[in-house]
Each structure stands twice: as C-alpha cells, then as structure tokens.
Amino acid sequence: MNTREKGYCGEDLAVDYLLRCGYKIITRNYQARRGEIDCIAEAPDGTLAFVEVKSRRGNSACHPFFWINRGKQKKIISMARLYLAEHHITNKPCRVDAIAVCDGKVEHLKNAFMA
C-alpha cells in the first residue's frame, strides 16, 4: 500500500468516527488550485468543521498532530476561506479540527488552531 492509499484509509476511519459522533459530512477532499481540505463536516451543534487528517502506522518520533506545521495551517485556513466564499457562507460558526489516526485509533482535536 502506497502513502496515498494509507492516507485514504486513515481518512475513511476519521470519517466513520465523525459520523458516529453525529457529524454530517459535507464533502471529502475539497480541492482547489491552492490545495486540499481532507474533510468538511457539520458538527452536531451546526458548526462547520474543516478537518485535517493525519495518519501514522507503527512507531514514529512524533505524534501526527505535530505534522500540521504553520505552513500547513496557513494553507488550510486559506482553503477554508475559499470554500466559504465559493459557497456564499457568511454567518455560520466555523473551526478547524485535526484528527490523528494512529494504528487504527482515532484522536480528535477540535479547534486545533486559530485563523
């Protein structure tokens, strides 16, 4: 299994987790010229969550959340703003979440970073 396939498996686990928690999946792999957002979902409270998923198998020196560096954060924020503009969403609470999938276990960090 290549890196991209492993990433999709991690995203599948993350989406299953979100669905079990009552989220509504709006879209997966939202892409534009600037980049991609792994998942956009509506939380049970109506908040729009832009979700970055990071997967790890086996031993690694650091937790997957540490892979979301400042550059990646800026890209996610830019993509979230683009999505909101394209869909004319102006008055809805939003946040950026991160989900780490480590050896099949899911860890969800709400409001992972601020715009």
PDB file of N, CA and C in Angstrom:
ATOM      1  N   MET A   1       0.848  -1.170   0.000  1.00  0.00           N
ATOM      2  CA  MET A   1       0.000   0.000   0.000  1.00  0.00           C
ATOM      3  C   MET A   1       0.898   1.240   0.000  1.00  0.00           C
ATOM      4  N   ASN A   2       0.648   2.157  -0.945  1.00  0.00           N
ATOM      5  CA  ASN A   2       1.471   3.361  -1.003  1.00  0.00           C
ATOM      6  C   ASN A   2       0.981   4.417  -0.011  1.00  0.00           C
ATOM      7  N   THR A   3       1.694   5.525   0.068  1.00  0.00           N
ATOM      8  CA  THR A   3       1.399   6.559   1.050  1.00  0.00           C
ATOM      9  C   THR A   3       0.001   7.140   0.862  1.00  0.00           C
ATOM     10  N   ARG A   4      -0.387   7.387  -0.384  1.00  0.00           N
ATOM     11  CA  ARG A   4      -1.703   7.953  -0.659  1.00  0.00           C
ATOM     12  C   ARG A   4      -2.806   6.987  -0.227  1.00  0.00           C
ATOM     13  N   GLU A   5      -2.644   5.712  -0.518  1.00  0.00           N
ATOM     14  CA  GLU A   5      -3.646   4.712  -0.117  1.00  0.00           C
ATOM     15  C   GLU A   5      -3.758   4.638   1.405  1.00  0.00           C
ATOM     16  N   LYS A   6      -2.625   4.703   2.089  1.00  0.00           N
ATOM     17  CA  LYS A   6      -2.639   4.705   3.555  1.00  0.00           C
ATOM     18  C   LYS A   6      -3.374   5.934   4.081  1.00  0.00           C
ATOM     19  N   GLY A   7      -3.150   7.073   3.413  1.00  0.00           N
ATOM     20  CA  GLY A   7      -3.834   8.299   3.802  1.00  0.00           C
ATOM     21  C   GLY A   7      -5.339   8.178   3.649  1.00  0.00           C
ATOM     22  N   TYR A   8      -5.778   7.571   2.541  1.00  0.00           N
ATOM     23  CA  TYR A   8      -7.214   7.387   2.326  1.00  0.00           C
ATOM     24  C   TYR A   8      -7.817   6.451   3.368  1.00  0.00           C
ATOM     25  N   CYS A   9      -7.083   5.426   3.761  1.00  0.00           N
ATOM     26  CA  CYS A   9      -7.576   4.523   4.817  1.00  0.00           C
ATOM     27  C   CYS A   9      -7.748   5.297   6.120  1.00  0.00           C
ATOM     28  N   GLY A  10      -6.797   6.149   6.447  1.00  0.00           N
ATOM     29  CA  GLY A  10      -6.901   6.979   7.646  1.00  0.00           C
ATOM     30  C   GLY A  10      -8.079   7.934   7.554  1.00  0.00           C
ATOM     31  N   GLU A  11      -8.286   8.521   6.378  1.00  0.00           N
ATOM     32  CA  GLU A  11      -9.423   9.421   6.187  1.00  0.00           C
ATOM     33  C   GLU A  11     -10.743   8.668   6.340  1.00  0.00           C
ATOM     34  N   ASP A  12     -10.803   7.449   5.831  1.00  0.00           N
ATOM     35  CA  ASP A  12     -12.017   6.638   5.978  1.00  0.00           C
ATOM     36  C   ASP A  12     -12.331   6.400   7.456  1.00  0.00           C
ATOM     37  N   LEU A  13     -11.312   6.069   8.244  1.00  0.00           N
ATOM     38  CA  LEU A  13     -11.514   5.863   9.679  1.00  0.00           C
ATOM     39  C   LEU A  13     -11.970   7.157  10.359  1.00  0.00           C
ATOM     40  N   ALA A  14     -11.378   8.271   9.950  1.00  0.00           N
ATOM     41  CA  ALA A  14     -11.759   9.562  10.530  1.00  0.00           C
ATOM     42  C   ALA A  14     -13.209   9.908  10.198  1.00  0.00           C
ATOM     43  N   VAL A  15     -13.615   9.690   8.960  1.00  0.00           N
ATOM     44  CA  VAL A  15     -14.990   9.980   8.550  1.00  0.00           C
ATOM     45  C   VAL A  15     -15.975   9.074   9.291  1.00  0.00           C
ATOM     46  N   ASP A  16     -15.645   7.801   9.422  1.00  0.00           N
ATOM     47  CA  ASP A  16     -16.511   6.880  10.186  1.00  0.00           C
ATOM     48  C   ASP A  16     -16.666   7.371  11.622  1.00  0.00           C
ATOM     49  N   TYR A  17     -15.574   7.820  12.212  1.00  0.00           N
ATOM     50  CA  TYR A  17     -15.603   8.357  13.577  1.00  0.00           C
ATOM     51  C   TYR A  17     -16.534   9.570  13.651  1.00  0.00           C
ATOM     52  N   LEU A  18     -16.367  10.514  12.712  1.00  0.00           N
ATOM     53  CA  LEU A  18     -17.197  11.713  12.718  1.00  0.00           C
ATOM     54  C   LEU A  18     -18.683  11.363  12.583  1.00  0.00           C
ATOM     55  N   LEU A  19     -18.995  10.428  11.698  1.00  0.00           N
ATOM     56  CA  LEU A  19     -20.391  10.013  11.518  1.00  0.00           C
ATOM     57  C   LEU A  19     -20.959   9.423  12.810  1.00  0.00           C
ATOM     58  N   ARG A  20     -20.163   8.599  13.479  1.00  0.00           N
ATOM     59  CA  ARG A  20     -20.608   8.009  14.756  1.00  0.00           C
ATOM     60  C   ARG A  20     -20.836   9.083  15.820  1.00  0.00           C
ATOM     61  N   CYS A  21     -20.113  10.191  15.711  1.00  0.00           N
ATOM     62  CA  CYS A  21     -20.249  11.290  16.671  1.00  0.00           C
ATOM     63  C   CYS A  21     -21.358  12.266  16.280  1.00  0.00           C
ATOM     64  N   GLY A  22     -22.081  11.970  15.229  1.00  0.00           N
ATOM     65  CA  GLY A  22     -23.215  12.799  14.844  1.00  0.00           C
ATOM     66  C   GLY A  22     -22.923  13.898  13.842  1.00  0.00           C
ATOM     67  N   TYR A  23     -21.746  13.893  13.252  1.00  0.00           N
ATOM     68  CA  TYR A  23     -21.408  14.888  12.242  1.00  0.00           C
ATOM     69  C   TYR A  23     -22.065  14.520  10.914  1.00  0.00           C
ATOM     70  N   LYS A  24     -22.324  15.541  10.125  1.00  0.00           N
ATOM     71  CA  LYS A  24     -22.810  15.348   8.758  1.00  0.00           C
ATOM     72  C   LYS A  24     -21.641  15.690   7.834  1.00  0.00           C
ATOM     73  N   ILE A  25     -21.254  14.762   6.984  1.00  0.00           N
ATOM     74  CA  ILE A  25     -20.133  15.001   6.073  1.00  0.00           C
ATOM     75  C   ILE A  25     -20.642  15.824   4.898  1.00  0.00           C
ATOM     76  N   ILE A  26     -20.049  16.989   4.708  1.00  0.00           N
ATOM     77  CA  ILE A  26     -20.425  17.877   3.604  1.00  0.00           C
ATOM     78  C   ILE A  26     -19.659  17.467   2.342  1.00  0.00           C
ATOM     79  N   THR A  27     -18.358  17.323   2.471  1.00  0.00           N
ATOM     80  CA  THR A  27     -17.532  16.889   1.336  1.00  0.00           C
ATOM     81  C   THR A  27     -16.216  16.321   1.846  1.00  0.00           C
ATOM     82  N   ARG A  28     -15.630  15.498   1.022  1.00  0.00           N
ATOM     83  CA  ARG A  28     -14.295  14.956   1.298  1.00  0.00           C
ATOM     84  C   ARG A  28     -13.368  15.408   0.197  1.00  0.00           C
ATOM     85  N   ASN A  29     -12.128  15.631   0.567  1.00  0.00           N
ATOM     86  CA  ASN A  29     -11.081  16.000  -0.383  1.00  0.00           C
ATOM     87  C   ASN A  29     -11.484  17.200  -1.248  1.00  0.00           C
ATOM     88  N   TYR A  30     -11.908  18.257  -0.585  1.00  0.00           N
ATOM     89  CA  TYR A  30     -12.216  19.501  -1.284  1.00  0.00           C
ATOM     90  C   TYR A  30     -10.920  20.044  -1.858  1.00  0.00           C
ATOM     91  N   GLN A  31     -10.890  20.224  -3.179  1.00  0.00           N
ATOM     92  CA  GLN A  31      -9.665  20.651  -3.843  1.00  0.00           C
ATOM     93  C   GLN A  31      -9.872  21.943  -4.614  1.00  0.00           C
ATOM     94  N   ALA A  32      -8.845  22.732  -4.599  1.00  0.00           N
ATOM     95  CA  ALA A  32      -8.762  23.937  -5.416  1.00  0.00           C
ATOM     96  C   ALA A  32      -7.289  24.081  -5.791  1.00  0.00           C
ATOM     97  N   ARG A  33      -7.004  25.089  -6.581  1.00  0.00           N
ATOM     98  CA  ARG A  33      -5.627  25.260  -7.049  1.00  0.00           C
ATOM     99  C   ARG A  33      -4.646  25.407  -5.895  1.00  0.00           C
ATOM    100  N   ARG A  34      -5.086  26.001  -4.801  1.00  0.00           N
ATOM    101  CA  ARG A  34      -4.198  26.267  -3.661  1.00  0.00           C
ATOM    102  C   ARG A  34      -3.899  25.047  -2.802  1.00  0.00           C
ATOM    103  N   GLY A  35      -4.750  24.016  -2.877  1.00  0.00           N
ATOM    104  CA  GLY A  35      -4.526  22.854  -2.024  1.00  0.00           C
ATOM    105  C   GLY A  35      -5.772  22.022  -1.822  1.00  0.00           C
ATOM    106  N   GLU A  36      -5.849  21.396  -0.655  1.00  0.00           N
ATOM    107  CA  GLU A  36      -6.926  20.454  -0.386  1.00  0.00           C
ATOM    108  C   GLU A  36      -7.268  20.477   1.103  1.00  0.00           C
ATOM    109  N   ILE A  37      -8.544  20.249   1.388  1.00  0.00           N
ATOM    110  CA  ILE A  37      -9.000  20.013   2.758  1.00  0.00           C
ATOM    111  C   ILE A  37      -9.526  18.587   2.779  1.00  0.00           C
ATOM    112  N   ASP A  38      -9.059  17.789   3.739  1.00  0.00           N
ATOM    113  CA  ASP A  38      -9.419  16.374   3.776  1.00  0.00           C
ATOM    114  C   ASP A  38     -10.912  16.150   3.935  1.00  0.00           C
ATOM    115  N   CYS A  39     -11.551  16.925   4.814  1.00  0.00           N
ATOM    116  CA  CYS A  39     -12.972  16.708   5.086  1.00  0.00           C
ATOM    117  C   CYS A  39     -13.594  18.007   5.588  1.00  0.00           C
ATOM    118  N   ILE A  40     -14.799  18.271   5.110  1.00  0.00           N
ATOM    119  CA  ILE A  40     -15.587  19.378   5.632  1.00  0.00           C
ATOM    120  C   ILE A  40     -16.863  18.748   6.176  1.00  0.00           C
ATOM    121  N   ALA A  41     -17.150  19.025   7.445  1.00  0.00           N
ATOM    122  CA  ALA A  41     -18.284  18.376   8.102  1.00  0.00           C
ATOM    123  C   ALA A  41     -19.034  19.383   8.964  1.00  0.00           C
ATOM    124  N   GLU A  42     -20.317  19.102   9.165  1.00  0.00           N
ATOM    125  CA  GLU A  42     -21.114  19.916  10.074  1.00  0.00           C
ATOM    126  C   GLU A  42     -21.252  19.173  11.388  1.00  0.00           C
ATOM    127  N   ALA A  43     -20.807  19.826  12.468  1.00  0.00           N
ATOM    128  CA  ALA A  43     -20.881  19.237  13.806  1.00  0.00           C
ATOM    129  C   ALA A  43     -22.335  19.196  14.267  1.00  0.00           C
ATOM    130  N   PRO A  44     -22.615  18.372  15.259  1.00  0.00           N
ATOM    131  CA  PRO A  44     -23.993  18.300  15.768  1.00  0.00           C
ATOM    132  C   PRO A  44     -24.557  19.656  16.215  1.00  0.00           C
ATOM    133  N   ASP A  45     -23.699  20.580  16.638  1.00  0.00           N
ATOM    134  CA  ASP A  45     -24.171  21.901  17.071  1.00  0.00           C
ATOM    135  C   ASP A  45     -24.310  22.888  15.915  1.00  0.00           C
ATOM    136  N   GLY A  46     -24.065  22.437  14.675  1.00  0.00           N
ATOM    137  CA  GLY A  46     -24.201  23.289  13.500  1.00  0.00           C
ATOM    138  C   GLY A  46     -22.927  23.968  13.051  1.00  0.00           C
ATOM    139  N   THR A  47     -21.854  23.831  13.809  1.00  0.00           N
ATOM    140  CA  THR A  47     -20.567  24.421  13.439  1.00  0.00           C
ATOM    141  C   THR A  47     -19.984  23.700  12.239  1.00  0.00           C
ATOM    142  N   LEU A  48     -19.446  24.465  11.289  1.00  0.00           N
ATOM    143  CA  LEU A  48     -18.789  23.888  10.128  1.00  0.00           C
ATOM    144  C   LEU A  48     -17.336  23.593  10.501  1.00  0.00           C
ATOM    145  N   ALA A  49     -16.925  22.341  10.387  1.00  0.00           N
ATOM    146  CA  ALA A  49     -15.572  21.929  10.763  1.00  0.00           C
ATOM    147  C   ALA A  49     -14.768  21.577   9.515  1.00  0.00           C
ATOM    148  N   PHE A  50     -13.641  22.251   9.361  1.00  0.00           N
ATOM    149  CA  PHE A  50     -12.678  21.937   8.312  1.00  0.00           C
ATOM    150  C   PHE A  50     -11.655  21.006   8.958  1.00  0.00           C
ATOM    151  N   VAL A  51     -11.591  19.764   8.494  1.00  0.00           N
ATOM    152  CA  VAL A  51     -10.858  18.723   9.200  1.00  0.00           C
ATOM    153  C   VAL A  51      -9.613  18.288   8.421  1.00  0.00           C
ATOM    154  N   GLU A  52      -8.477  18.360   9.088  1.00  0.00           N
ATOM    155  CA  GLU A  52      -7.212  17.838   8.554  1.00  0.00           C
ATOM    156  C   GLU A  52      -6.958  16.495   9.225  1.00  0.00           C
ATOM    157  N   VAL A  53      -6.714  15.470   8.415  1.00  0.00           N
ATOM    158  CA  VAL A  53      -6.489  14.120   8.927  1.00  0.00           C
ATOM    159  C   VAL A  53      -5.028  13.743   8.695  1.00  0.00           C
ATOM    160  N   LYS A  54      -4.392  13.267   9.739  1.00  0.00           N
ATOM    161  CA  LYS A  54      -3.025  12.761   9.643  1.00  0.00           C
ATOM    162  C   LYS A  54      -3.004  11.341  10.182  1.00  0.00           C
ATOM    163  N   SER A  55      -2.377  10.439   9.426  1.00  0.00           N
ATOM    164  CA  SER A  55      -2.336   9.021   9.798  1.00  0.00           C
ATOM    165  C   SER A  55      -0.907   8.568  10.031  1.00  0.00           C
ATOM    166  N   ARG A  56      -0.776   7.644  10.965  1.00  0.00           N
ATOM    167  CA  ARG A  56       0.535   7.067  11.260  1.00  0.00           C
ATOM    168  C   ARG A  56       0.353   5.589  11.558  1.00  0.00           C
ATOM    169  N   ARG A  57       1.252   4.808  11.035  1.00  0.00           N
ATOM    170  CA  ARG A  57       1.286   3.376  11.357  1.00  0.00           C
ATOM    171  C   ARG A  57       2.650   3.051  11.909  1.00  0.00           C
ATOM    172  N   GLY A  58       2.665   2.242  12.939  1.00  0.00           N
ATOM    173  CA  GLY A  58       3.939   1.847  13.537  1.00  0.00           C
ATOM    174  C   GLY A  58       4.527   2.963  14.367  1.00  0.00           C
ATOM    175  N   ASN A  59       5.776   2.829  14.667  1.00  0.00           N
ATOM    176  CA  ASN A  59       6.464   3.797  15.522  1.00  0.00           C
ATOM    177  C   ASN A  59       6.896   5.013  14.724  1.00  0.00           C
ATOM    178  N   SER A  60       6.758   6.151  15.325  1.00  0.00           N
ATOM    179  CA  SER A  60       7.213   7.396  14.732  1.00  0.00           C
ATOM    180  C   SER A  60       7.718   8.281  15.860  1.00  0.00           C
ATOM    181  N   ALA A  61       8.630   9.174  15.528  1.00  0.00           N
ATOM    182  CA  ALA A  61       9.241  10.014  16.549  1.00  0.00           C
ATOM    183  C   ALA A  61       8.258  11.010  17.147  1.00  0.00           C
ATOM    184  N   CYS A  62       7.218  11.372  16.414  1.00  0.00           N
ATOM    185  CA  CYS A  62       6.295  12.371  16.954  1.00  0.00           C
ATOM    186  C   CYS A  62       4.845  12.026  16.608  1.00  0.00           C
ATOM    187  N   HIS A  63       3.956  12.659  17.326  1.00  0.00           N
ATOM    188  CA  HIS A  63       2.522  12.485  17.133  1.00  0.00           C
ATOM    189  C   HIS A  63       2.113  13.158  15.818  1.00  0.00           C
ATOM    190  N   PRO A  64       1.149  12.597  15.090  1.00  0.00           N
ATOM    191  CA  PRO A  64       0.736  13.195  13.810  1.00  0.00           C
ATOM    192  C   PRO A  64       0.283  14.650  13.898  1.00  0.00           C
ATOM    193  N   PHE A  65      -0.238  15.096  15.037  1.00  0.00           N
ATOM    194  CA  PHE A  65      -0.637  16.496  15.148  1.00  0.00           C
ATOM    195  C   PHE A  65       0.550  17.436  14.928  1.00  0.00           C
ATOM    196  N   PHE A  66       1.740  16.998  15.262  1.00  0.00           N
ATOM    197  CA  PHE A  66       2.924  17.831  15.074  1.00  0.00           C
ATOM    198  C   PHE A  66       3.277  18.024  13.604  1.00  0.00           C
ATOM    199  N   TRP A  67       2.708  17.205  12.732  1.00  0.00           N
ATOM    200  CA  TRP A  67       2.962  17.333  11.295  1.00  0.00           C
ATOM    201  C   TRP A  67       2.186  18.486  10.675  1.00  0.00           C
ATOM    202  N   ILE A  68       1.247  19.040  11.426  1.00  0.00           N
ATOM    203  CA  ILE A  68       0.474  20.174  10.917  1.00  0.00           C
ATOM    204  C   ILE A  68       1.219  21.446  11.330  1.00  0.00           C
ATOM    205  N   ASN A  69       2.236  21.763  10.567  1.00  0.00           N
ATOM    206  CA  ASN A  69       3.091  22.904  10.889  1.00  0.00           C
ATOM    207  C   ASN A  69       2.416  24.218  10.481  1.00  0.00           C
ATOM    208  N   ARG A  70       3.068  25.319  10.754  1.00  0.00           N
ATOM    209  CA  ARG A  70       2.479  26.634  10.480  1.00  0.00           C
ATOM    210  C   ARG A  70       2.151  26.813   9.001  1.00  0.00           C
ATOM    211  N   GLY A  71       3.003  26.338   8.117  1.00  0.00           N
ATOM    212  CA  GLY A  71       2.728  26.441   6.686  1.00  0.00           C
ATOM    213  C   GLY A  71       1.461  25.691   6.295  1.00  0.00           C
ATOM    214  N   LYS A  72       1.304  24.480   6.827  1.00  0.00           N
ATOM    215  CA  LYS A  72       0.107  23.682   6.562  1.00  0.00           C
ATOM    216  C   LYS A  72      -1.128  24.363   7.139  1.00  0.00           C
ATOM    217  N   GLN A  73      -0.999  24.947   8.322  1.00  0.00           N
ATOM    218  CA  GLN A  73      -2.110  25.664   8.938  1.00  0.00           C
ATOM    219  C   GLN A  73      -2.569  26.819   8.047  1.00  0.00           C
ATOM    220  N   LYS A  74      -1.626  27.587   7.530  1.00  0.00           N
ATOM    221  CA  LYS A  74      -1.962  28.708   6.650  1.00  0.00           C
ATOM    222  C   LYS A  74      -2.688  28.222   5.397  1.00  0.00           C
ATOM    223  N   LYS A  75      -2.243  27.107   4.857  1.00  0.00           N
ATOM    224  CA  LYS A  75      -2.878  26.562   3.652  1.00  0.00           C
ATOM    225  C   LYS A  75      -4.315  26.119   3.948  1.00  0.00           C
ATOM    226  N   ILE A  76      -4.519  25.468   5.074  1.00  0.00           N
ATOM    227  CA  ILE A  76      -5.869  25.015   5.454  1.00  0.00           C
ATOM    228  C   ILE A  76      -6.787  26.220   5.661  1.00  0.00           C
ATOM    229  N   ILE A  77      -6.291  27.243   6.332  1.00  0.00           N
ATOM    230  CA  ILE A  77      -7.085  28.446   6.557  1.00  0.00           C
ATOM    231  C   ILE A  77      -7.451  29.107   5.232  1.00  0.00           C
ATOM    232  N   SER A  78      -6.498  29.196   4.341  1.00  0.00           N
ATOM    233  CA  SER A  78      -6.746  29.771   3.021  1.00  0.00           C
ATOM    234  C   SER A  78      -7.805  28.974   2.263  1.00  0.00           C
ATOM    235  N   MET A  79      -7.699  27.659   2.325  1.00  0.00           N
ATOM    236  CA  MET A  79      -8.672  26.801   1.638  1.00  0.00           C
ATOM    237  C   MET A  79     -10.057  26.926   2.277  1.00  0.00           C
ATOM    238  N   ALA A  80     -10.112  27.021   3.590  1.00  0.00           N
ATOM    239  CA  ALA A  80     -11.396  27.171   4.282  1.00  0.00           C
ATOM    240  C   ALA A  80     -12.062  28.483   3.861  1.00  0.00           C
ATOM    241  N   ARG A  81     -11.300  29.546   3.801  1.00  0.00           N
ATOM    242  CA  ARG A  81     -11.845  30.843   3.365  1.00  0.00           C
ATOM    243  C   ARG A  81     -12.347  30.768   1.930  1.00  0.00           C
ATOM    244  N   LEU A  82     -11.604  30.086   1.085  1.00  0.00           N
ATOM    245  CA  LEU A  82     -12.023  29.914  -0.308  1.00  0.00           C
ATOM    246  C   LEU A  82     -13.342  29.143  -0.385  1.00  0.00           C
ATOM    247  N   TYR A  83     -13.452  28.066   0.385  1.00  0.00           N
ATOM    248  CA  TYR A  83     -14.682  27.273   0.401  1.00  0.00           C
ATOM    249  C   TYR A  83     -15.864  28.133   0.852  1.00  0.00           C
ATOM    250  N   LEU A  84     -15.674  28.897   1.922  1.00  0.00           N
ATOM    251  CA  LEU A  84     -16.751  29.749   2.432  1.00  0.00           C
ATOM    252  C   LEU A  84     -17.181  30.781   1.391  1.00  0.00           C
ATOM    253  N   ALA A  85     -16.218  31.383   0.702  1.00  0.00           N
ATOM    254  CA  ALA A  85     -16.534  32.376  -0.332  1.00  0.00           C
ATOM    255  C   ALA A  85     -17.263  31.728  -1.512  1.00  0.00           C
ATOM    256  N   GLU A  86     -16.770  30.578  -1.976  1.00  0.00           N
ATOM    257  CA  GLU A  86     -17.394  29.901  -3.117  1.00  0.00           C
ATOM    258  C   GLU A  86     -18.834  29.492  -2.832  1.00  0.00           C
ATOM    259  N   HIS A  87     -19.112  29.164  -1.567  1.00  0.00           N
ATOM    260  CA  HIS A  87     -20.448  28.688  -1.195  1.00  0.00           C
ATOM    261  C   HIS A  87     -21.288  29.772  -0.512  1.00  0.00           C
ATOM    262  N   HIS A  88     -20.789  31.012  -0.540  1.00  0.00           N
ATOM    263  CA  HIS A  88     -21.518  32.168  -0.011  1.00  0.00           C
ATOM    264  C   HIS A  88     -21.962  31.941   1.441  1.00  0.00           C
ATOM    265  N   ILE A  89     -21.072  31.375   2.230  1.00  0.00           N
ATOM    266  CA  ILE A  89     -21.344  31.128   3.646  1.00  0.00           C
ATOM    267  C   ILE A  89     -20.719  32.274   4.435  1.00  0.00           C
ATOM    268  N   THR A  90     -21.572  33.055   5.086  1.00  0.00           N
ATOM    269  CA  THR A  90     -21.062  34.229   5.785  1.00  0.00           C
ATOM    270  C   THR A  90     -21.422  34.265   7.267  1.00  0.00           C
ATOM    271  N   ASN A  91     -22.460  33.567   7.656  1.00  0.00           N
ATOM    272  CA  ASN A  91     -22.942  33.717   9.024  1.00  0.00           C
ATOM    273  C   ASN A  91     -23.081  32.372   9.722  1.00  0.00           C
ATOM    274  N   LYS A  92     -22.057  31.560   9.623  1.00  0.00           N
ATOM    275  CA  LYS A  92     -22.093  30.230  10.225  1.00  0.00           C
ATOM    276  C   LYS A  92     -20.833  30.051  11.064  1.00  0.00           C
ATOM    277  N   PRO A  93     -20.957  29.529  12.273  1.00  0.00           N
ATOM    278  CA  PRO A  93     -19.742  29.294  13.071  1.00  0.00           C
ATOM    279  C   PRO A  93     -18.857  28.237  12.394  1.00  0.00           C
ATOM    280  N   CYS A  94     -17.568  28.489  12.415  1.00  0.00           N
ATOM    281  CA  CYS A  94     -16.606  27.594  11.761  1.00  0.00           C
ATOM    282  C   CYS A  94     -15.423  27.356  12.684  1.00  0.00           C
ATOM    283  N   ARG A  95     -14.735  26.258  12.437  1.00  0.00           N
ATOM    284  CA  ARG A  95     -13.499  25.958  13.166  1.00  0.00           C
ATOM    285  C   ARG A  95     -12.669  24.998  12.316  1.00  0.00           C
ATOM    286  N   VAL A  96     -11.407  24.874  12.714  1.00  0.00           N
ATOM    287  CA  VAL A  96     -10.514  23.908  12.073  1.00  0.00           C
ATOM    288  C   VAL A  96     -10.197  22.825  13.094  1.00  0.00           C
ATOM    289  N   ASP A  97     -10.467  21.578  12.723  1.00  0.00           N
ATOM    290  CA  ASP A  97     -10.181  20.423  13.581  1.00  0.00           C
ATOM    291  C   ASP A  97      -9.046  19.614  12.981  1.00  0.00           C
ATOM    292  N   ALA A  98      -8.416  18.824  13.814  1.00  0.00           N
ATOM    293  CA  ALA A  98      -7.403  17.870  13.353  1.00  0.00           C
ATOM    294  C   ALA A  98      -7.779  16.499  13.904  1.00  0.00           C
ATOM    295  N   ILE A  99      -7.600  15.498  13.078  1.00  0.00           N
ATOM    296  CA  ILE A  99      -7.817  14.120  13.516  1.00  0.00           C
ATOM    297  C   ILE A  99      -6.548  13.337  13.237  1.00  0.00           C
ATOM    298  N   ALA A 100      -6.062  12.667  14.266  1.00  0.00           N
ATOM    299  CA  ALA A 100      -4.905  11.786  14.127  1.00  0.00           C
ATOM    300  C   ALA A 100      -5.401  10.349  14.165  1.00  0.00           C
ATOM    301  N   VAL A 101      -4.928   9.553  13.223  1.00  0.00           N
ATOM    302  CA  VAL A 101      -5.239   8.125  13.201  1.00  0.00           C
ATOM    303  C   VAL A 101      -3.912   7.403  13.394  1.00  0.00           C
ATOM    304  N   CYS A 102      -3.778   6.762  14.544  1.00  0.00           N
ATOM    305  CA  CYS A 102      -2.536   6.065  14.895  1.00  0.00           C
ATOM    306  C   CYS A 102      -2.854   4.597  15.116  1.00  0.00           C
ATOM    307  N   ASP A 103      -2.384   3.762  14.221  1.00  0.00           N
ATOM    308  CA  ASP A 103      -2.608   2.315  14.329  1.00  0.00           C
ATOM    309  C   ASP A 103      -4.085   1.989  14.546  1.00  0.00           C
ATOM    310  N   GLY A 104      -4.952   2.663  13.793  1.00  0.00           N
ATOM    311  CA  GLY A 104      -6.387   2.403  13.852  1.00  0.00           C
ATOM    312  C   GLY A 104      -7.141   3.143  14.936  1.00  0.00           C
ATOM    313  N   LYS A 105      -6.447   3.856  15.820  1.00  0.00           N
ATOM    314  CA  LYS A 105      -7.101   4.627  16.879  1.00  0.00           C
ATOM    315  C   LYS A 105      -7.257   6.080  16.419  1.00  0.00           C
ATOM    316  N   VAL A 106      -8.418   6.644  16.696  1.00  0.00           N
ATOM    317  CA  VAL A 106      -8.727   7.998  16.250  1.00  0.00           C
ATOM    318  C   VAL A 106      -8.685   8.964  17.429  1.00  0.00           C
ATOM    319  N   GLU A 107      -7.987  10.084  17.225  1.00  0.00           N
ATOM    320  CA  GLU A 107      -7.931  11.152  18.223  1.00  0.00           C
ATOM    321  C   GLU A 107      -8.376  12.445  17.547  1.00  0.00           C
ATOM    322  N   HIS A 108      -9.382  13.091  18.114  1.00  0.00           N
ATOM    323  CA  HIS A 108      -9.998  14.272  17.511  1.00  0.00           C
ATOM    324  C   HIS A 108      -9.652  15.507  18.342  1.00  0.00           C
ATOM    325  N   LEU A 109      -9.037  16.486  17.715  1.00  0.00           N
ATOM    326  CA  LEU A 109      -8.686  17.739  18.364  1.00  0.00           C
ATOM    327  C   LEU A 109      -9.533  18.843  17.735  1.00  0.00           C
ATOM    328  N   LYS A 110     -10.556  19.300  18.462  1.00  0.00           N
ATOM    329  CA  LYS A 110     -11.418  20.370  17.985  1.00  0.00           C
ATOM    330  C   LYS A 110     -10.697  21.700  18.163  1.00  0.00           C
ATOM    331  N   ASN A 111     -10.950  22.634  17.223  1.00  0.00           N
ATOM    332  CA  ASN A 111     -10.279  23.937  17.278  1.00  0.00           C
ATOM    333  C   ASN A 111      -8.771  23.767  17.372  1.00  0.00           C
ATOM    334  N   ALA A 112      -8.221  22.998  16.468  1.00  0.00           N
ATOM    335  CA  ALA A 112      -6.804  22.655  16.512  1.00  0.00           C
ATOM    336  C   ALA A 112      -5.895  23.879  16.449  1.00  0.00           C
ATOM    337  N   PHE A 113      -6.318  24.881  15.705  1.00  0.00           N
ATOM    338  CA  PHE A 113      -5.572  26.144  15.629  1.00  0.00           C
ATOM    339  C   PHE A 113      -6.508  27.223  15.158  1.00  0.00           C
ATOM    340  N   MET A 114      -6.110  28.456  15.371  1.00  0.00           N
ATOM    341  CA  MET A 114      -6.974  29.593  15.077  1.00  0.00           C
ATOM    342  C   MET A 114      -6.531  30.282  13.785  1.00  0.00           C
ATOM    343  N   ALA A 115      -7.505  30.855  13.097  1.00  0.00           N
ATOM    344  CA  ALA A 115      -7.220  31.592  11.855  1.00  0.00           C
ATOM    345  C   ALA A 115      -6.721  32.983  12.173  1.00  0.00           C
TER     346      ALA A 115
END
